[in-house]
Amino acid sequence: MAKVDEACPLVEKDLQNIYLSPYVKSKVQEVSSWLGVPVSCVLPLKNYNQELELNCDVLLLTALQQMLNFADDYLDDAG
């Protein structure tokens, strides 16, 4: 789920509030229901297209780690 910094003023002010924002939490639950996936699979991210320097690497690395974990689990189940 991208652009949460643009959607929520609390997060736009300080990205560390991303998991404390009631708005982001409700949108994560909405996307989870809409896609039929667990809430833990919906990862809020900042939009990085205007960034010259990535100072919010933790969100991207968390999302990448989750994707790799799911891919690893899928391959374990398929093999």
N, C-alpha and C. Protein backbone atom coordinates (compact mmCIF):
# COMPACT_ATOMS: atom_id res chain seq x y z
N MET A 1 0.86 -1.16 0.00
CA MET A 1 0.00 0.00 0.00
C MET A 1 0.91 1.22 0.00
N ALA A 2 0.94 1.94 -1.10
CA ALA A 2 1.87 3.06 -1.28
C ALA A 2 1.22 4.41 -0.99
N LYS A 3 2.08 5.39 -0.86
CA LYS A 3 1.70 6.80 -0.69
C LYS A 3 0.96 7.09 0.61
N VAL A 4 1.23 6.32 1.66
CA VAL A 4 0.55 6.59 2.93
C VAL A 4 0.98 7.92 3.52
N ASP A 5 2.17 8.38 3.16
CA ASP A 5 2.63 9.68 3.65
C ASP A 5 1.79 10.82 3.06
N GLU A 6 1.27 10.63 1.86
CA GLU A 6 0.42 11.64 1.24
C GLU A 6 -1.02 11.55 1.74
N ALA A 7 -1.41 10.40 2.19
CA ALA A 7 -2.80 10.18 2.61
C ALA A 7 -3.07 10.60 4.04
N CYS A 8 -2.04 10.63 4.87
CA CYS A 8 -2.24 10.90 6.29
C CYS A 8 -1.30 12.00 6.76
N PRO A 9 -1.85 13.12 7.24
CA PRO A 9 -1.01 14.23 7.71
C PRO A 9 -0.08 13.83 8.87
N LEU A 10 -0.53 12.94 9.74
CA LEU A 10 0.29 12.50 10.86
C LEU A 10 1.55 11.79 10.36
N VAL A 11 1.39 10.97 9.35
CA VAL A 11 2.52 10.24 8.78
C VAL A 11 3.39 11.17 7.93
N GLU A 12 2.76 12.11 7.24
CA GLU A 12 3.52 13.05 6.42
C GLU A 12 4.46 13.89 7.29
N LYS A 13 3.99 14.22 8.49
CA LYS A 13 4.79 15.01 9.42
C LYS A 13 5.98 14.21 9.94
N ASP A 14 5.76 12.95 10.26
CA ASP A 14 6.82 12.08 10.78
C ASP A 14 6.53 10.65 10.38
N LEU A 15 7.35 10.10 9.53
CA LEU A 15 7.13 8.75 8.99
C LEU A 15 7.14 7.68 10.06
N GLN A 16 7.74 7.97 11.20
CA GLN A 16 7.75 6.99 12.29
C GLN A 16 6.35 6.75 12.85
N ASN A 17 5.40 7.60 12.52
CA ASN A 17 4.01 7.43 12.97
C ASN A 17 3.21 6.49 12.08
N ILE A 18 3.85 5.88 11.11
CA ILE A 18 3.12 5.09 10.12
C ILE A 18 2.30 3.96 10.75
N TYR A 19 2.83 3.33 11.79
CA TYR A 19 2.10 2.23 12.43
C TYR A 19 1.23 2.70 13.59
N LEU A 20 1.28 4.00 13.90
CA LEU A 20 0.45 4.56 14.97
C LEU A 20 -0.78 5.27 14.44
N SER A 21 -0.81 5.53 13.15
CA SER A 21 -1.88 6.29 12.53
C SER A 21 -3.18 5.47 12.45
N PRO A 22 -4.26 5.97 13.05
CA PRO A 22 -5.55 5.27 12.93
C PRO A 22 -6.02 5.20 11.48
N TYR A 23 -5.74 6.23 10.70
CA TYR A 23 -6.15 6.24 9.30
C TYR A 23 -5.44 5.13 8.52
N VAL A 24 -4.14 5.00 8.72
CA VAL A 24 -3.37 3.96 8.02
C VAL A 24 -3.85 2.58 8.47
N LYS A 25 -4.09 2.41 9.76
CA LYS A 25 -4.58 1.12 10.26
C LYS A 25 -5.91 0.74 9.61
N SER A 26 -6.82 1.72 9.50
CA SER A 26 -8.13 1.41 8.90
C SER A 26 -7.98 1.08 7.41
N LYS A 27 -7.08 1.77 6.72
CA LYS A 27 -6.88 1.49 5.30
C LYS A 27 -6.21 0.12 5.10
N VAL A 28 -5.29 -0.24 5.98
CA VAL A 28 -4.67 -1.56 5.91
C VAL A 28 -5.74 -2.64 6.07
N GLN A 29 -6.63 -2.47 7.02
CA GLN A 29 -7.72 -3.44 7.22
C GLN A 29 -8.66 -3.48 6.03
N GLU A 30 -8.93 -2.31 5.45
CA GLU A 30 -9.80 -2.24 4.27
C GLU A 30 -9.17 -2.98 3.08
N VAL A 31 -7.89 -2.75 2.84
CA VAL A 31 -7.20 -3.42 1.74
C VAL A 31 -7.12 -4.93 2.01
N SER A 32 -6.88 -5.30 3.25
CA SER A 32 -6.84 -6.71 3.63
C SER A 32 -8.16 -7.40 3.30
N SER A 33 -9.27 -6.78 3.68
CA SER A 33 -10.59 -7.35 3.38
C SER A 33 -10.86 -7.39 1.89
N TRP A 34 -10.51 -6.32 1.21
CA TRP A 34 -10.76 -6.21 -0.22
C TRP A 34 -10.00 -7.27 -1.01
N LEU A 35 -8.73 -7.52 -0.62
CA LEU A 35 -7.91 -8.49 -1.34
C LEU A 35 -8.06 -9.91 -0.80
N GLY A 36 -8.62 -10.03 0.41
CA GLY A 36 -8.77 -11.35 1.01
C GLY A 36 -7.45 -11.92 1.52
N VAL A 37 -6.58 -11.04 1.98
CA VAL A 37 -5.29 -11.48 2.53
C VAL A 37 -5.19 -11.03 3.98
N PRO A 38 -4.34 -11.66 4.77
CA PRO A 38 -4.19 -11.23 6.16
C PRO A 38 -3.64 -9.80 6.25
N VAL A 39 -3.97 -9.13 7.33
CA VAL A 39 -3.50 -7.76 7.56
C VAL A 39 -1.97 -7.72 7.52
N SER A 40 -1.33 -8.76 8.00
CA SER A 40 0.14 -8.79 8.02
C SER A 40 0.75 -8.80 6.62
N CYS A 41 -0.06 -9.06 5.60
CA CYS A 41 0.44 -9.06 4.22
C CYS A 41 0.28 -7.72 3.53
N VAL A 42 -0.37 -6.78 4.18
CA VAL A 42 -0.56 -5.43 3.62
C VAL A 42 0.46 -4.53 4.28
N LEU A 43 1.41 -4.06 3.49
CA LEU A 43 2.53 -3.29 4.02
C LEU A 43 2.45 -1.84 3.56
N PRO A 44 2.29 -0.91 4.50
CA PRO A 44 2.25 0.50 4.12
C PRO A 44 3.64 1.00 3.76
N LEU A 45 3.73 1.75 2.66
CA LEU A 45 5.00 2.27 2.18
C LEU A 45 4.89 3.74 1.84
N LYS A 46 6.00 4.40 1.91
CA LYS A 46 6.09 5.79 1.46
C LYS A 46 6.40 5.77 -0.03
N ASN A 47 5.92 6.76 -0.76
CA ASN A 47 6.23 6.88 -2.17
C ASN A 47 7.61 7.50 -2.31
N TYR A 48 8.52 6.81 -2.95
CA TYR A 48 9.91 7.27 -3.04
C TYR A 48 10.25 7.93 -4.36
N ASN A 49 9.31 8.21 -5.23
CA ASN A 49 9.65 8.70 -6.56
C ASN A 49 10.28 10.09 -6.57
N GLN A 50 10.08 10.88 -5.52
CA GLN A 50 10.66 12.21 -5.46
C GLN A 50 11.87 12.29 -4.53
N GLU A 51 12.28 11.19 -3.96
CA GLU A 51 13.36 11.19 -2.99
C GLU A 51 14.72 11.13 -3.70
N LEU A 52 15.63 11.99 -3.27
CA LEU A 52 16.99 11.92 -3.77
C LEU A 52 17.81 10.96 -2.92
N GLU A 53 17.47 10.90 -1.66
CA GLU A 53 18.17 10.02 -0.73
C GLU A 53 17.13 9.24 0.05
N LEU A 54 17.32 7.95 0.14
CA LEU A 54 16.35 7.14 0.86
C LEU A 54 16.66 7.18 2.35
N ASN A 55 15.88 7.93 3.07
CA ASN A 55 16.07 8.00 4.52
C ASN A 55 15.02 7.18 5.24
N CYS A 56 14.26 6.40 4.51
CA CYS A 56 13.20 5.59 5.09
C CYS A 56 13.35 4.14 4.63
N ASP A 57 14.57 3.65 4.64
CA ASP A 57 14.87 2.32 4.12
C ASP A 57 14.14 1.20 4.85
N VAL A 58 13.80 1.41 6.10
CA VAL A 58 13.21 0.35 6.92
C VAL A 58 11.90 -0.15 6.31
N LEU A 59 11.06 0.75 5.83
CA LEU A 59 9.78 0.33 5.25
C LEU A 59 10.00 -0.53 4.00
N LEU A 60 10.91 -0.09 3.14
CA LEU A 60 11.18 -0.88 1.94
C LEU A 60 11.80 -2.23 2.26
N LEU A 61 12.73 -2.24 3.17
CA LEU A 61 13.37 -3.51 3.53
C LEU A 61 12.40 -4.46 4.21
N THR A 62 11.50 -3.94 5.01
CA THR A 62 10.48 -4.78 5.65
C THR A 62 9.58 -5.40 4.59
N ALA A 63 9.16 -4.61 3.62
CA ALA A 63 8.30 -5.12 2.55
C ALA A 63 9.04 -6.18 1.74
N LEU A 64 10.29 -5.92 1.41
CA LEU A 64 11.09 -6.88 0.65
C LEU A 64 11.28 -8.17 1.43
N GLN A 65 11.55 -8.05 2.72
CA GLN A 65 11.73 -9.24 3.55
C GLN A 65 10.44 -10.08 3.59
N GLN A 66 9.29 -9.42 3.72
CA GLN A 66 8.02 -10.14 3.72
C GLN A 66 7.80 -10.86 2.39
N MET A 67 8.09 -10.18 1.28
CA MET A 67 7.91 -10.80 -0.04
C MET A 67 8.80 -12.02 -0.19
N LEU A 68 10.04 -11.91 0.25
CA LEU A 68 10.96 -13.04 0.15
C LEU A 68 10.52 -14.20 1.05
N ASN A 69 10.02 -13.88 2.23
CA ASN A 69 9.51 -14.93 3.13
C ASN A 69 8.33 -15.67 2.51
N PHE A 70 7.39 -14.92 1.90
CA PHE A 70 6.24 -15.55 1.27
C PHE A 70 6.66 -16.40 0.09
N ALA A 71 7.62 -15.90 -0.71
CA ALA A 71 8.11 -16.67 -1.85
C ALA A 71 8.80 -17.94 -1.39
N ASP A 72 9.58 -17.85 -0.33
CA ASP A 72 10.27 -19.02 0.23
C ASP A 72 9.24 -20.05 0.74
N ASP A 73 8.22 -19.58 1.45
CA ASP A 73 7.17 -20.49 1.93
C ASP A 73 6.45 -21.17 0.77
N TYR A 74 6.17 -20.39 -0.29
CA TYR A 74 5.49 -20.94 -1.45
C TYR A 74 6.34 -22.04 -2.10
N LEU A 75 7.63 -21.77 -2.26
CA LEU A 75 8.51 -22.76 -2.88
C LEU A 75 8.66 -24.00 -1.99
N ASP A 76 8.68 -23.82 -0.68
CA ASP A 76 8.74 -24.96 0.22
C ASP A 76 7.50 -25.83 0.09
N ASP A 77 6.33 -25.20 -0.03
CA ASP A 77 5.08 -25.94 -0.17
C ASP A 77 4.97 -26.62 -1.54
N ALA A 78 5.52 -25.99 -2.59
CA ALA A 78 5.42 -26.53 -3.93
C ALA A 78 6.38 -27.68 -4.17
N GLY A 79 7.47 -27.70 -3.41
CA GLY A 79 8.51 -28.71 -3.65
C GLY A 79 8.37 -29.84 -2.77
